[in-house]
Amino acid sequence: MDELDPTFPKWEQIRDRIAADIAAGRLKSGDQVPSAAALVERYGVAMAAAQKALAALKRDGLVRSQNGIGTFVL
C-alpha cells in the first residue's frame, strides 16, 4: 500500500500523483489509469476519495471515462 500524507486531502494526493505520472510520461495518451477500486486497494482510502480523485482528473481534462471499460489518459 502506498503511503499518503495524513495532513493533506487524500483524493488530492491521488489526483496529483496520477497527474504527475501523466506529465512525466509514465502514463501516456490512451493508457488506462487505475480504477477507483484499484486506488482504494493501493492507497487504503475510501471509495469516495478514489472516485473524487478520478472526477478531478476528468475535470482537469487529463482523462476520459468509457462506461464499462475504464478511464484513459487523453
N, C-alpha and C. Protein backbone atom coordinates (compact mmCIF):
# COMPACT_ATOMS: atom_id res chain seq x y z
N MET A 1 0.84 -1.17 0.00
CA MET A 1 0.00 0.00 0.00
C MET A 1 0.89 1.24 0.00
N ASP A 2 0.61 2.17 -0.91
CA ASP A 2 1.36 3.43 -0.97
C ASP A 2 0.89 4.36 0.14
N GLU A 3 1.83 5.04 0.76
CA GLU A 3 1.52 5.93 1.87
C GLU A 3 1.12 7.32 1.36
N LEU A 4 0.15 7.90 2.06
CA LEU A 4 -0.29 9.26 1.78
C LEU A 4 -0.05 10.11 3.02
N ASP A 5 0.15 11.40 2.82
CA ASP A 5 0.34 12.35 3.91
C ASP A 5 -1.01 12.56 4.61
N PRO A 6 -1.10 12.24 5.91
CA PRO A 6 -2.39 12.36 6.60
C PRO A 6 -2.85 13.80 6.82
N THR A 7 -1.99 14.77 6.55
CA THR A 7 -2.36 16.17 6.77
C THR A 7 -2.90 16.85 5.52
N PHE A 8 -3.00 16.13 4.42
CA PHE A 8 -3.42 16.69 3.14
C PHE A 8 -4.55 15.82 2.59
N PRO A 9 -5.59 16.39 1.97
CA PRO A 9 -6.70 15.55 1.48
C PRO A 9 -6.21 14.41 0.59
N LYS A 10 -6.66 13.21 0.91
CA LYS A 10 -6.18 12.02 0.20
C LYS A 10 -6.54 12.05 -1.27
N TRP A 11 -7.76 12.49 -1.61
CA TRP A 11 -8.15 12.50 -3.01
C TRP A 11 -7.26 13.43 -3.82
N GLU A 12 -6.84 14.55 -3.22
CA GLU A 12 -5.96 15.48 -3.93
C GLU A 12 -4.58 14.85 -4.17
N GLN A 13 -4.08 14.12 -3.19
CA GLN A 13 -2.78 13.48 -3.34
C GLN A 13 -2.82 12.43 -4.44
N ILE A 14 -3.90 11.67 -4.51
CA ILE A 14 -4.04 10.66 -5.57
C ILE A 14 -4.12 11.34 -6.93
N ARG A 15 -4.96 12.38 -7.01
CA ARG A 15 -5.06 13.14 -8.27
C ARG A 15 -3.69 13.68 -8.68
N ASP A 16 -2.97 14.25 -7.72
CA ASP A 16 -1.66 14.83 -8.03
C ASP A 16 -0.66 13.77 -8.49
N ARG A 17 -0.70 12.59 -7.89
CA ARG A 17 0.22 11.53 -8.30
C ARG A 17 -0.07 11.04 -9.72
N ILE A 18 -1.34 10.88 -10.04
CA ILE A 18 -1.69 10.44 -11.39
C ILE A 18 -1.35 11.54 -12.40
N ALA A 19 -1.66 12.79 -12.06
CA ALA A 19 -1.33 13.91 -12.94
C ALA A 19 0.18 14.00 -13.17
N ALA A 20 0.96 13.77 -12.12
CA ALA A 20 2.42 13.80 -12.25
C ALA A 20 2.90 12.66 -13.16
N ASP A 21 2.28 11.48 -13.05
CA ASP A 21 2.65 10.36 -13.92
C ASP A 21 2.34 10.69 -15.39
N ILE A 22 1.25 11.40 -15.61
CA ILE A 22 0.90 11.81 -16.98
C ILE A 22 1.91 12.84 -17.48
N ALA A 23 2.21 13.85 -16.65
CA ALA A 23 3.15 14.91 -17.05
C ALA A 23 4.54 14.37 -17.32
N ALA A 24 4.95 13.35 -16.56
CA ALA A 24 6.29 12.77 -16.71
C ALA A 24 6.36 11.74 -17.83
N GLY A 25 5.22 11.42 -18.41
CA GLY A 25 5.21 10.44 -19.49
C GLY A 25 5.15 9.00 -19.03
N ARG A 26 4.99 8.78 -17.73
CA ARG A 26 4.84 7.40 -17.24
C ARG A 26 3.49 6.84 -17.63
N LEU A 27 2.50 7.73 -17.77
CA LEU A 27 1.20 7.38 -18.34
C LEU A 27 1.04 8.21 -19.60
N LYS A 28 0.79 7.54 -20.69
CA LYS A 28 0.71 8.21 -22.00
C LYS A 28 -0.73 8.20 -22.51
N SER A 29 -0.98 9.00 -23.52
CA SER A 29 -2.30 9.06 -24.14
C SER A 29 -2.77 7.66 -24.52
N GLY A 30 -3.98 7.33 -24.09
CA GLY A 30 -4.54 6.02 -24.38
C GLY A 30 -4.31 4.99 -23.28
N ASP A 31 -3.37 5.27 -22.37
CA ASP A 31 -3.14 4.34 -21.25
C ASP A 31 -4.31 4.37 -20.29
N GLN A 32 -4.61 3.22 -19.74
CA GLN A 32 -5.67 3.14 -18.74
C GLN A 32 -5.11 3.50 -17.37
N VAL A 33 -5.84 4.33 -16.64
CA VAL A 33 -5.44 4.67 -15.27
C VAL A 33 -6.12 3.68 -14.34
N PRO A 34 -5.59 3.52 -13.13
CA PRO A 34 -6.20 2.58 -12.19
C PRO A 34 -7.66 2.92 -11.91
N SER A 35 -8.46 1.91 -11.73
CA SER A 35 -9.87 2.10 -11.39
C SER A 35 -9.98 2.63 -9.96
N ALA A 36 -11.17 3.09 -9.61
CA ALA A 36 -11.40 3.54 -8.24
C ALA A 36 -11.14 2.40 -7.26
N ALA A 37 -11.58 1.21 -7.60
CA ALA A 37 -11.35 0.05 -6.71
C ALA A 37 -9.86 -0.22 -6.54
N ALA A 38 -9.08 -0.09 -7.61
CA ALA A 38 -7.64 -0.30 -7.52
C ALA A 38 -6.98 0.78 -6.67
N LEU A 39 -7.48 2.02 -6.77
CA LEU A 39 -6.93 3.11 -5.96
C LEU A 39 -7.25 2.89 -4.48
N VAL A 40 -8.44 2.38 -4.19
CA VAL A 40 -8.81 2.05 -2.81
C VAL A 40 -7.82 1.05 -2.24
N GLU A 41 -7.53 0.02 -3.02
CA GLU A 41 -6.60 -1.02 -2.56
C GLU A 41 -5.18 -0.48 -2.42
N ARG A 42 -4.74 0.29 -3.40
CA ARG A 42 -3.36 0.80 -3.41
C ARG A 42 -3.09 1.78 -2.27
N TYR A 43 -4.06 2.67 -2.02
CA TYR A 43 -3.82 3.75 -1.06
C TYR A 43 -4.56 3.57 0.27
N GLY A 44 -5.44 2.59 0.36
CA GLY A 44 -6.18 2.38 1.60
C GLY A 44 -7.14 3.51 1.92
N VAL A 45 -7.76 4.08 0.89
CA VAL A 45 -8.69 5.19 1.06
C VAL A 45 -10.12 4.71 0.86
N ALA A 46 -11.07 5.55 1.20
CA ALA A 46 -12.48 5.26 0.96
C ALA A 46 -12.77 5.34 -0.54
N MET A 47 -13.78 4.62 -0.98
CA MET A 47 -14.18 4.64 -2.40
C MET A 47 -14.50 6.07 -2.84
N ALA A 48 -15.13 6.85 -1.96
CA ALA A 48 -15.48 8.23 -2.30
C ALA A 48 -14.24 9.06 -2.63
N ALA A 49 -13.15 8.86 -1.90
CA ALA A 49 -11.91 9.60 -2.16
C ALA A 49 -11.33 9.21 -3.51
N ALA A 50 -11.34 7.92 -3.82
CA ALA A 50 -10.82 7.45 -5.11
C ALA A 50 -11.66 7.99 -6.26
N GLN A 51 -12.97 7.96 -6.10
CA GLN A 51 -13.86 8.48 -7.15
C GLN A 51 -13.69 9.98 -7.33
N LYS A 52 -13.49 10.70 -6.23
CA LYS A 52 -13.30 12.14 -6.31
C LYS A 52 -12.00 12.48 -7.03
N ALA A 53 -10.95 11.69 -6.80
CA ALA A 53 -9.68 11.91 -7.49
C ALA A 53 -9.85 11.72 -8.99
N LEU A 54 -10.54 10.65 -9.39
CA LEU A 54 -10.76 10.41 -10.82
C LEU A 54 -11.63 11.49 -11.44
N ALA A 55 -12.66 11.93 -10.71
CA ALA A 55 -13.52 13.00 -11.22
C ALA A 55 -12.72 14.29 -11.41
N ALA A 56 -11.81 14.58 -10.49
CA ALA A 56 -10.98 15.79 -10.61
C ALA A 56 -10.08 15.71 -11.84
N LEU A 57 -9.53 14.54 -12.10
CA LEU A 57 -8.69 14.35 -13.30
C LEU A 57 -9.51 14.57 -14.56
N LYS A 58 -10.76 14.14 -14.55
CA LYS A 58 -11.65 14.37 -15.71
C LYS A 58 -11.91 15.85 -15.88
N ARG A 59 -12.24 16.53 -14.77
CA ARG A 59 -12.50 17.98 -14.83
C ARG A 59 -11.27 18.74 -15.32
N ASP A 60 -10.09 18.25 -14.97
CA ASP A 60 -8.84 18.89 -15.38
C ASP A 60 -8.49 18.60 -16.84
N GLY A 61 -9.29 17.74 -17.49
CA GLY A 61 -9.05 17.42 -18.89
C GLY A 61 -7.90 16.47 -19.13
N LEU A 62 -7.54 15.67 -18.12
CA LEU A 62 -6.41 14.75 -18.26
C LEU A 62 -6.84 13.34 -18.65
N VAL A 63 -8.06 12.97 -18.28
CA VAL A 63 -8.54 11.62 -18.56
C VAL A 63 -9.98 11.65 -19.05
N ARG A 64 -10.41 10.53 -19.61
CA ARG A 64 -11.81 10.36 -20.02
C ARG A 64 -12.24 8.97 -19.59
N SER A 65 -13.53 8.83 -19.32
CA SER A 65 -14.06 7.53 -18.92
C SER A 65 -14.89 6.93 -20.05
N GLN A 66 -14.82 5.62 -20.16
CA GLN A 66 -15.66 4.87 -21.07
C GLN A 66 -16.44 3.89 -20.23
N ASN A 67 -17.77 4.06 -20.20
CA ASN A 67 -18.61 3.23 -19.35
C ASN A 67 -18.34 1.74 -19.59
N GLY A 68 -18.11 1.04 -18.50
CA GLY A 68 -17.90 -0.39 -18.57
C GLY A 68 -16.52 -0.81 -19.02
N ILE A 69 -15.68 0.15 -19.39
CA ILE A 69 -14.34 -0.19 -19.89
C ILE A 69 -13.26 0.33 -18.95
N GLY A 70 -13.31 1.62 -18.62
CA GLY A 70 -12.30 2.18 -17.74
C GLY A 70 -12.07 3.66 -18.00
N THR A 71 -11.02 4.18 -17.38
CA THR A 71 -10.64 5.58 -17.50
C THR A 71 -9.27 5.64 -18.18
N PHE A 72 -9.14 6.52 -19.16
CA PHE A 72 -7.95 6.55 -20.01
C PHE A 72 -7.38 7.96 -20.11
N VAL A 73 -6.07 8.04 -20.25
CA VAL A 73 -5.37 9.31 -20.43
C VAL A 73 -5.73 9.88 -21.80
N LEU A 74 -6.00 11.18 -21.82
CA LEU A 74 -6.30 11.85 -23.10
C LEU A 74 -5.02 12.12 -23.88
